[in-house]
């Protein structure tokens, strides 16, 4: 097969992807331009990965081999995606539907997957579903804009790539509300690591990491998948025993000097998108934010008038005051993440950690999210660590600490 017609579907957040994929396969979309009738195909998506992982966990059925003597469930996101793609390509399908194929992947993994997709594009129809313009595959020249359950526009790949992402209508013009009460001041450095090395079994993860964070600084922690970013975070949050015996200072105390994990965690606001799964209750948006004062999943203590006032001031800042009684779990994904960041910030903790917080967001939502992070960093005394494997458009960190994988463990240095 030569000169195959590939296509990209550009979607906004909260699109029902399962329904979209069903319509693509049935031919309800792109009927006159791209017919999949009678062609056997495969789907590359997080939904497909979840199916195979469920089969492993529930039935001990290991259909996909990661090549690392590891199950899918215990593999990194990059390893999972590489394994799924290898499994699909081995079938030599007539078409492949790719759903956010590059989400949460570092540059080298993206390039490796792109090489494989370029090769199969000469014999398989590629249909890419994407939420970020930067992810458009270079060999796709037909882009369809999908909004509210239908195709609204068709663009050439060149035209699509050149158009700037529209700026969100809300960019947080109000000031960040003050804290309920100030944490006791901590003498700088807030966080300090000197010559920290970490090994798991025979595998060296980190080697001689030295990093210092002071009050109010805005840092980006960068590094490819598997470089040790999560290991560093776990030592800062008190979740890793690997921190003991190391030269680490946390909030003025040497690690292992008798501090409790709780005394560390109470000084840290933390958010990663996976946390949202823990909040499946019917709590309102307002109650979600108020619960941040108590570090609770749910609200079990009657808040004070001052806590209610500050929560409402945050809601006004993020333009969600009018929907404050709406159930959190029924709120669009981008707004959920903004609420979760505010929940982590209502106490103005000394440190805010955001772990791959924009993963899976569409372009406009990501710009809105980073605008809030920039504002928090600029207007508060909270130090911010924004963790990512790639640069995020619009993010304005003061400093960047980057990890560089080596055979003997990742090294790290300040690159900005």
Foldseek 3Di string as FASTA:
>chain_A
DAPDAAEEEAEAFPDPVVVVVVCVQVCVACVVNDHCPPWFEEEQDVVVLVVQVCCCVPPVDQPWDLVPPDGLVPDDPLSSLVRVVVVRVVVLTQEYEYEPSCFQFFDVSLVVVLVVCVVSVRRHHYYYYDQELVSDRPVHFWYFYDDPHHTDDIGTNVVSNPDDDDADPALQPDAQDDAPDDDPDFPPQQKWFAQQWDDDVPATAAGGETDTHHWLAEEEEAEGPSNCPVVVVCLQLVNDPSQPPGQMDHRHRGPPPDDDSVVRNVLEQEDELVCVVVQPDQAFLLQLLLCLVVVDNGDDDDDDPVSSVSSLVLCVSLVNNVRRRGGLVPDTSLVNLSSSQSSSPNNPHQEYEYASSCGPHGLNSLLSVLSVVQSCSVRGRHYYYYYGHDDRPPHDGPWYKYWDQDRNHIYIDIPD
